[in-house]
């Protein structure tokens, strides 16, 4: 949960600097890239949930893959 607040805080700081400087533009671009990456993680978790419900993977496999996603994510 703390990672989630940290991520949101960084996005807010980058948003405040906005277009006022070149660094702000770079930061805003990095924030957008980070958001796209987190969206990718969200979709991976949704697919993982669906695969478990459909019986395509075991609970152990689900847990292993979920830990992988969580380890590379700021939000999850």
PDB file of N, CA and C in Angstrom:
ATOM      1  N   UNK A   1       0.828  -1.187   0.000  1.00  0.00           N
ATOM      2  CA  UNK A   1       0.000   0.000   0.000  1.00  0.00           C
ATOM      3  C   UNK A   1       0.875   1.255   0.000  1.00  0.00           C
ATOM      4  N   UNK A   2       1.990   1.243   0.728  1.00  0.00           N
ATOM      5  CA  UNK A   2       2.870   2.398   0.773  1.00  0.00           C
ATOM      6  C   UNK A   2       3.459   2.699  -0.594  1.00  0.00           C
ATOM      7  N   UNK A   3       3.742   1.651  -1.377  1.00  0.00           N
ATOM      8  CA  UNK A   3       4.269   1.851  -2.724  1.00  0.00           C
ATOM      9  C   UNK A   3       3.260   2.611  -3.577  1.00  0.00           C
ATOM     10  N   UNK A   4       2.000   2.307  -3.370  1.00  0.00           N
ATOM     11  CA  UNK A   4       0.945   2.959  -4.144  1.00  0.00           C
ATOM     12  C   UNK A   4       0.926   4.459  -3.857  1.00  0.00           C
ATOM     13  N   UNK A   5       1.023   4.840  -2.595  1.00  0.00           N
ATOM     14  CA  UNK A   5       1.024   6.251  -2.233  1.00  0.00           C
ATOM     15  C   UNK A   5       2.283   6.957  -2.720  1.00  0.00           C
ATOM     16  N   UNK A   6       3.401   6.261  -2.690  1.00  0.00           N
ATOM     17  CA  UNK A   6       4.644   6.826  -3.202  1.00  0.00           C
ATOM     18  C   UNK A   6       4.520   7.108  -4.690  1.00  0.00           C
ATOM     19  N   UNK A   7       3.978   6.150  -5.431  1.00  0.00           N
ATOM     20  CA  UNK A   7       3.789   6.302  -6.876  1.00  0.00           C
ATOM     21  C   UNK A   7       2.878   7.490  -7.177  1.00  0.00           C
ATOM     22  N   UNK A   8       1.776   7.596  -6.457  1.00  0.00           N
ATOM     23  CA  UNK A   8       0.837   8.701  -6.660  1.00  0.00           C
ATOM     24  C   UNK A   8       1.500  10.029  -6.330  1.00  0.00           C
ATOM     25  N   UNK A   9       2.280  10.058  -5.258  1.00  0.00           N
ATOM     26  CA  UNK A   9       2.994  11.281  -4.879  1.00  0.00           C
ATOM     27  C   UNK A   9       3.972  11.723  -5.944  1.00  0.00           C
ATOM     28  N   UNK A  10       4.709  10.785  -6.503  1.00  0.00           N
ATOM     29  CA  UNK A  10       5.661  11.116  -7.565  1.00  0.00           C
ATOM     30  C   UNK A  10       4.920  11.669  -8.779  1.00  0.00           C
ATOM     31  N   UNK A  11       3.801  11.049  -9.134  1.00  0.00           N
ATOM     32  CA  UNK A  11       3.023  11.545 -10.271  1.00  0.00           C
ATOM     33  C   UNK A  11       2.498  12.951 -10.017  1.00  0.00           C
ATOM     34  N   UNK A  12       2.075  13.229  -8.795  1.00  0.00           N
ATOM     35  CA  UNK A  12       1.587  14.566  -8.470  1.00  0.00           C
ATOM     36  C   UNK A  12       2.702  15.598  -8.569  1.00  0.00           C
ATOM     37  N   UNK A  13       3.876  15.262  -8.075  1.00  0.00           N
ATOM     38  CA  UNK A  13       5.009  16.181  -8.150  1.00  0.00           C
ATOM     39  C   UNK A  13       5.374  16.457  -9.599  1.00  0.00           C
ATOM     40  N   UNK A  14       5.392  15.409 -10.395  1.00  0.00           N
ATOM     41  CA  UNK A  14       5.707  15.584 -11.806  1.00  0.00           C
ATOM     42  C   UNK A  14       4.626  16.395 -12.508  1.00  0.00           C
ATOM     43  N   UNK A  15       3.404  16.209 -12.108  1.00  0.00           N
ATOM     44  CA  UNK A  15       2.311  16.964 -12.698  1.00  0.00           C
ATOM     45  C   UNK A  15       2.367  18.438 -12.355  1.00  0.00           C
ATOM     46  N   UNK A  16       2.831  18.761 -11.152  1.00  0.00           N
ATOM     47  CA  UNK A  16       2.951  20.160 -10.724  1.00  0.00           C
ATOM     48  C   UNK A  16       4.003  20.872 -11.557  1.00  0.00           C
ATOM     49  N   UNK A  17       5.116  20.190 -11.827  1.00  0.00           N
ATOM     50  CA  UNK A  17       6.156  20.831 -12.638  1.00  0.00           C
ATOM     51  C   UNK A  17       5.694  20.958 -14.074  1.00  0.00           C
ATOM     52  N   UNK A  18       4.881  20.013 -14.518  1.00  0.00           N
ATOM     53  CA  UNK A  18       4.226  20.067 -15.815  1.00  0.00           C
ATOM     54  C   UNK A  18       5.090  20.584 -16.937  1.00  0.00           C
ATOM     55  N   UNK A  19       4.592  21.572 -17.639  1.00  0.00           N
ATOM     56  CA  UNK A  19       5.275  22.121 -18.804  1.00  0.00           C
ATOM     57  C   UNK A  19       6.159  23.309 -18.449  1.00  0.00           C
ATOM     58  N   UNK A  20       6.384  23.563 -17.180  1.00  0.00           N
ATOM     59  CA  UNK A  20       7.145  24.744 -16.784  1.00  0.00           C
ATOM     60  C   UNK A  20       8.625  24.617 -17.064  1.00  0.00           C
ATOM     61  N   UNK A  21       9.102  23.412 -17.295  1.00  0.00           N
ATOM     62  CA  UNK A  21      10.532  23.248 -17.558  1.00  0.00           C
ATOM     63  C   UNK A  21      10.761  22.011 -18.404  1.00  0.00           C
ATOM     64  N   UNK A  22      11.962  21.944 -18.938  1.00  0.00           N
ATOM     65  CA  UNK A  22      12.320  20.762 -19.714  1.00  0.00           C
ATOM     66  C   UNK A  22      12.307  19.521 -18.823  1.00  0.00           C
ATOM     67  N   UNK A  23      12.780  19.671 -17.589  1.00  0.00           N
ATOM     68  CA  UNK A  23      12.779  18.548 -16.646  1.00  0.00           C
ATOM     69  C   UNK A  23      11.347  18.103 -16.361  1.00  0.00           C
ATOM     70  N   UNK A  24      10.434  19.061 -16.294  1.00  0.00           N
ATOM     71  CA  UNK A  24       9.029  18.726 -16.069  1.00  0.00           C
ATOM     72  C   UNK A  24       8.463  17.906 -17.211  1.00  0.00           C
ATOM     73  N   UNK A  25       8.836  18.280 -18.434  1.00  0.00           N
ATOM     74  CA  UNK A  25       8.366  17.530 -19.598  1.00  0.00           C
ATOM     75  C   UNK A  25       8.908  16.109 -19.589  1.00  0.00           C
ATOM     76  N   UNK A  26      10.168  15.967 -19.230  1.00  0.00           N
ATOM     77  CA  UNK A  26      10.776  14.643 -19.150  1.00  0.00           C
ATOM     78  C   UNK A  26      10.097  13.834 -18.049  1.00  0.00           C
ATOM     79  N   UNK A  27       9.862  14.480 -16.920  1.00  0.00           N
ATOM     80  CA  UNK A  27       9.203  13.810 -15.805  1.00  0.00           C
ATOM     81  C   UNK A  27       7.793  13.381 -16.149  1.00  0.00           C
ATOM     82  N   UNK A  28       7.079  14.234 -16.877  1.00  0.00           N
ATOM     83  CA  UNK A  28       5.718  13.901 -17.274  1.00  0.00           C
ATOM     84  C   UNK A  28       5.711  12.702 -18.220  1.00  0.00           C
ATOM     85  N   UNK A  29       6.680  12.676 -19.131  1.00  0.00           N
ATOM     86  CA  UNK A  29       6.803  11.539 -20.042  1.00  0.00           C
ATOM     87  C   UNK A  29       7.122  10.259 -19.292  1.00  0.00           C
ATOM     88  N   UNK A  30       8.005  10.365 -18.306  1.00  0.00           N
ATOM     89  CA  UNK A  30       8.354   9.192 -17.496  1.00  0.00           C
ATOM     90  C   UNK A  30       7.152   8.718 -16.693  1.00  0.00           C
ATOM     91  N   UNK A  31       6.361   9.667 -16.210  1.00  0.00           N
ATOM     92  CA  UNK A  31       5.152   9.300 -15.466  1.00  0.00           C
ATOM     93  C   UNK A  31       4.160   8.570 -16.346  1.00  0.00           C
ATOM     94  N   UNK A  32       4.015   9.027 -17.572  1.00  0.00           N
ATOM     95  CA  UNK A  32       3.107   8.365 -18.514  1.00  0.00           C
ATOM     96  C   UNK A  32       3.602   6.959 -18.836  1.00  0.00           C
ATOM     97  N   UNK A  33       4.910   6.813 -19.003  1.00  0.00           N
ATOM     98  CA  UNK A  33       5.473   5.486 -19.273  1.00  0.00           C
ATOM     99  C   UNK A  33       5.246   4.559 -18.087  1.00  0.00           C
ATOM    100  N   UNK A  34       5.422   5.087 -16.880  1.00  0.00           N
ATOM    101  CA  UNK A  34       5.190   4.290 -15.668  1.00  0.00           C
ATOM    102  C   UNK A  34       3.738   3.860 -15.548  1.00  0.00           C
ATOM    103  N   UNK A  35       2.834   4.766 -15.892  1.00  0.00           N
ATOM    104  CA  UNK A  35       1.401   4.429 -15.840  1.00  0.00           C
ATOM    105  C   UNK A  35       1.076   3.327 -16.843  1.00  0.00           C
ATOM    106  N   UNK A  36       1.660   3.402 -18.027  1.00  0.00           N
ATOM    107  CA  UNK A  36       1.426   2.364 -19.038  1.00  0.00           C
ATOM    108  C   UNK A  36       1.955   1.019 -18.550  1.00  0.00           C
ATOM    109  N   UNK A  37       3.107   1.030 -17.876  1.00  0.00           N
ATOM    110  CA  UNK A  37       3.699  -0.193 -17.349  1.00  0.00           C
ATOM    111  C   UNK A  37       2.792  -0.796 -16.276  1.00  0.00           C
ATOM    112  N   UNK A  38       2.259   0.042 -15.405  1.00  0.00           N
ATOM    113  CA  UNK A  38       1.370  -0.453 -14.351  1.00  0.00           C
ATOM    114  C   UNK A  38       0.060  -0.978 -14.942  1.00  0.00           C
ATOM    115  N   UNK A  39      -0.409  -0.368 -16.008  1.00  0.00           N
ATOM    116  CA  UNK A  39      -1.613  -0.871 -16.674  1.00  0.00           C
ATOM    117  C   UNK A  39      -1.341  -2.264 -17.234  1.00  0.00           C
ATOM    118  N   UNK A  40      -0.147  -2.461 -17.759  1.00  0.00           N
ATOM    119  CA  UNK A  40       0.252  -3.773 -18.260  1.00  0.00           C
ATOM    120  C   UNK A  40       0.226  -4.806 -17.131  1.00  0.00           C
ATOM    121  N   UNK A  41       0.713  -4.421 -15.959  1.00  0.00           N
ATOM    122  CA  UNK A  41       0.680  -5.322 -14.799  1.00  0.00           C
ATOM    123  C   UNK A  41      -0.758  -5.635 -14.401  1.00  0.00           C
ATOM    124  N   UNK A  42      -1.634  -4.639 -14.461  1.00  0.00           N
ATOM    125  CA  UNK A  42      -3.041  -4.845 -14.115  1.00  0.00           C
ATOM    126  C   UNK A  42      -3.669  -5.867 -15.057  1.00  0.00           C
ATOM    127  N   UNK A  43      -3.399  -5.735 -16.340  1.00  0.00           N
ATOM    128  CA  UNK A  43      -3.945  -6.681 -17.316  1.00  0.00           C
ATOM    129  C   UNK A  43      -3.388  -8.082 -17.095  1.00  0.00           C
ATOM    130  N   UNK A  44      -2.108  -8.180 -16.712  1.00  0.00           N
ATOM    131  CA  UNK A  44      -1.507  -9.487 -16.452  1.00  0.00           C
ATOM    132  C   UNK A  44      -2.184 -10.161 -15.260  1.00  0.00           C
ATOM    133  N   UNK A  45      -2.500  -9.398 -14.235  1.00  0.00           N
ATOM    134  CA  UNK A  45      -3.176  -9.953 -13.058  1.00  0.00           C
ATOM    135  C   UNK A  45      -4.590 -10.394 -13.424  1.00  0.00           C
ATOM    136  N   UNK A  46      -5.275  -9.594 -14.237  1.00  0.00           N
ATOM    137  CA  UNK A  46      -6.623  -9.973 -14.655  1.00  0.00           C
ATOM    138  C   UNK A  46      -6.599 -11.277 -15.451  1.00  0.00           C
ATOM    139  N   UNK A  47      -5.623 -11.432 -16.339  1.00  0.00           N
ATOM    140  CA  UNK A  47      -5.498 -12.661 -17.121  1.00  0.00           C
ATOM    141  C   UNK A  47      -5.170 -13.836 -16.203  1.00  0.00           C
ATOM    142  N   UNK A  48      -4.319 -13.590 -15.232  1.00  0.00           N
ATOM    143  CA  UNK A  48      -3.954 -14.624 -14.274  1.00  0.00           C
ATOM    144  C   UNK A  48      -5.182 -15.093 -13.490  1.00  0.00           C
ATOM    145  N   UNK A  49      -6.002 -14.148 -13.038  1.00  0.00           N
ATOM    146  CA  UNK A  49      -7.243 -14.490 -12.325  1.00  0.00           C
ATOM    147  C   UNK A  49      -8.160 -15.334 -13.205  1.00  0.00           C
ATOM    148  N   UNK A  50      -8.292 -14.942 -14.469  1.00  0.00           N
ATOM    149  CA  UNK A  50      -9.155 -15.674 -15.398  1.00  0.00           C
ATOM    150  C   UNK A  50      -8.637 -17.094 -15.626  1.00  0.00           C
ATOM    151  N   UNK A  51      -7.312 -17.226 -15.801  1.00  0.00           N
ATOM    152  CA  UNK A  51      -6.724 -18.548 -16.012  1.00  0.00           C
ATOM    153  C   UNK A  51      -6.959 -19.462 -14.817  1.00  0.00           C
ATOM    154  N   UNK A  52      -6.873 -18.913 -13.605  1.00  0.00           N
ATOM    155  CA  UNK A  52      -7.120 -19.711 -12.406  1.00  0.00           C
ATOM    156  C   UNK A  52      -8.580 -20.149 -12.347  1.00  0.00           C
ATOM    157  N   UNK A  53      -9.494 -19.228 -12.621  1.00  0.00           N
ATOM    158  CA  UNK A  53     -10.919 -19.558 -12.574  1.00  0.00           C
ATOM    159  C   UNK A  53     -11.291 -20.611 -13.613  1.00  0.00           C
ATOM    160  N   UNK A  54     -10.638 -20.558 -14.767  1.00  0.00           N
ATOM    161  CA  UNK A  54     -10.945 -21.514 -15.834  1.00  0.00           C
ATOM    162  C   UNK A  54     -10.200 -22.839 -15.660  1.00  0.00           C
ATOM    163  N   UNK A  55      -9.351 -22.929 -14.638  1.00  0.00           N
ATOM    164  CA  UNK A  55      -8.632 -24.158 -14.369  1.00  0.00           C
ATOM    165  C   UNK A  55      -7.420 -24.392 -15.252  1.00  0.00           C
ATOM    166  N   UNK A  56      -6.957 -23.351 -15.932  1.00  0.00           N
ATOM    167  CA  UNK A  56      -5.804 -23.494 -16.820  1.00  0.00           C
ATOM    168  C   UNK A  56      -4.490 -23.579 -16.046  1.00  0.00           C
ATOM    169  N   UNK A  57      -4.475 -23.025 -14.827  1.00  0.00           N
ATOM    170  CA  UNK A  57      -3.284 -23.072 -13.977  1.00  0.00           C
ATOM    171  C   UNK A  57      -3.687 -23.503 -12.576  1.00  0.00           C
ATOM    172  N   UNK A  58      -2.708 -23.989 -11.822  1.00  0.00           N
ATOM    173  CA  UNK A  58      -2.961 -24.395 -10.436  1.00  0.00           C
ATOM    174  C   UNK A  58      -2.828 -23.190  -9.511  1.00  0.00           C
ATOM    175  N   UNK A  59      -3.266 -23.355  -8.285  1.00  0.00           N
ATOM    176  CA  UNK A  59      -3.152 -22.286  -7.286  1.00  0.00           C
ATOM    177  C   UNK A  59      -1.681 -21.960  -7.019  1.00  0.00           C
ATOM    178  N   UNK A  60      -0.825 -22.982  -7.004  1.00  0.00           N
ATOM    179  CA  UNK A  60       0.610 -22.746  -6.789  1.00  0.00           C
ATOM    180  C   UNK A  60       1.202 -21.907  -7.914  1.00  0.00           C
ATOM    181  N   UNK A  61       0.841 -22.236  -9.153  1.00  0.00           N
ATOM    182  CA  UNK A  61       1.318 -21.471 -10.308  1.00  0.00           C
ATOM    183  C   UNK A  61       0.788 -20.043 -10.251  1.00  0.00           C
ATOM    184  N   UNK A  62      -0.461 -19.892  -9.861  1.00  0.00           N
ATOM    185  CA  UNK A  62      -1.068 -18.568  -9.707  1.00  0.00           C
ATOM    186  C   UNK A  62      -0.278 -17.735  -8.700  1.00  0.00           C
ATOM    187  N   UNK A  63      -0.002 -18.317  -7.534  1.00  0.00           N
ATOM    188  CA  UNK A  63       0.725 -17.601  -6.488  1.00  0.00           C
ATOM    189  C   UNK A  63       2.122 -17.210  -6.944  1.00  0.00           C
ATOM    190  N   UNK A  64       2.808 -18.107  -7.657  1.00  0.00           N
ATOM    191  CA  UNK A  64       4.160 -17.829  -8.131  1.00  0.00           C
ATOM    192  C   UNK A  64       4.156 -16.659  -9.123  1.00  0.00           C
ATOM    193  N   UNK A  65       3.241 -16.711 -10.075  1.00  0.00           N
ATOM    194  CA  UNK A  65       3.171 -15.640 -11.079  1.00  0.00           C
ATOM    195  C   UNK A  65       2.740 -14.315 -10.461  1.00  0.00           C
ATOM    196  N   UNK A  66       1.823 -14.372  -9.499  1.00  0.00           N
ATOM    197  CA  UNK A  66       1.370 -13.151  -8.827  1.00  0.00           C
ATOM    198  C   UNK A  66       2.521 -12.497  -8.081  1.00  0.00           C
ATOM    199  N   UNK A  67       3.347 -13.293  -7.410  1.00  0.00           N
ATOM    200  CA  UNK A  67       4.519 -12.739  -6.715  1.00  0.00           C
ATOM    201  C   UNK A  67       5.472 -12.069  -7.702  1.00  0.00           C
ATOM    202  N   UNK A  68       5.637 -12.647  -8.885  1.00  0.00           N
ATOM    203  CA  UNK A  68       6.499 -12.048  -9.908  1.00  0.00           C
ATOM    204  C   UNK A  68       5.979 -10.685 -10.320  1.00  0.00           C
ATOM    205  N   UNK A  69       4.676 -10.595 -10.560  1.00  0.00           N
ATOM    206  CA  UNK A  69       4.075  -9.327 -10.969  1.00  0.00           C
ATOM    207  C   UNK A  69       4.211  -8.310  -9.846  1.00  0.00           C
ATOM    208  N   UNK A  70       3.911  -8.712  -8.622  1.00  0.00           N
ATOM    209  CA  UNK A  70       4.000  -7.804  -7.476  1.00  0.00           C
ATOM    210  C   UNK A  70       5.426  -7.305  -7.261  1.00  0.00           C
ATOM    211  N   UNK A  71       6.415  -8.143  -7.529  1.00  0.00           N
ATOM    212  CA  UNK A  71       7.797  -7.743  -7.296  1.00  0.00           C
ATOM    213  C   UNK A  71       8.275  -6.665  -8.268  1.00  0.00           C
ATOM    214  N   UNK A  72       7.679  -6.596  -9.451  1.00  0.00           N
ATOM    215  CA  UNK A  72       8.111  -5.596 -10.425  1.00  0.00           C
ATOM    216  C   UNK A  72       7.141  -4.414 -10.531  1.00  0.00           C
ATOM    217  N   UNK A  73       6.164  -4.383  -9.641  1.00  0.00           N
ATOM    218  CA  UNK A  73       5.136  -3.349  -9.692  1.00  0.00           C
ATOM    219  C   UNK A  73       5.251  -2.400  -8.499  1.00  0.00           C
ATOM    220  N   UNK A  74       4.906  -1.158  -8.723  1.00  0.00           N
ATOM    221  CA  UNK A  74       4.863  -0.174  -7.638  1.00  0.00           C
ATOM    222  C   UNK A  74       3.498  -0.187  -6.978  1.00  0.00           C
ATOM    223  N   UNK A  75       2.463  -0.405  -7.764  1.00  0.00           N
ATOM    224  CA  UNK A  75       1.091  -0.307  -7.279  1.00  0.00           C
ATOM    225  C   UNK A  75       0.609  -1.598  -6.621  1.00  0.00           C
ATOM    226  N   UNK A  76       0.899  -2.750  -7.229  1.00  0.00           N
ATOM    227  CA  UNK A  76       0.355  -4.018  -6.752  1.00  0.00           C
ATOM    228  C   UNK A  76       1.249  -4.673  -5.743  1.00  0.00           C
TER     229      UNK A  76
END
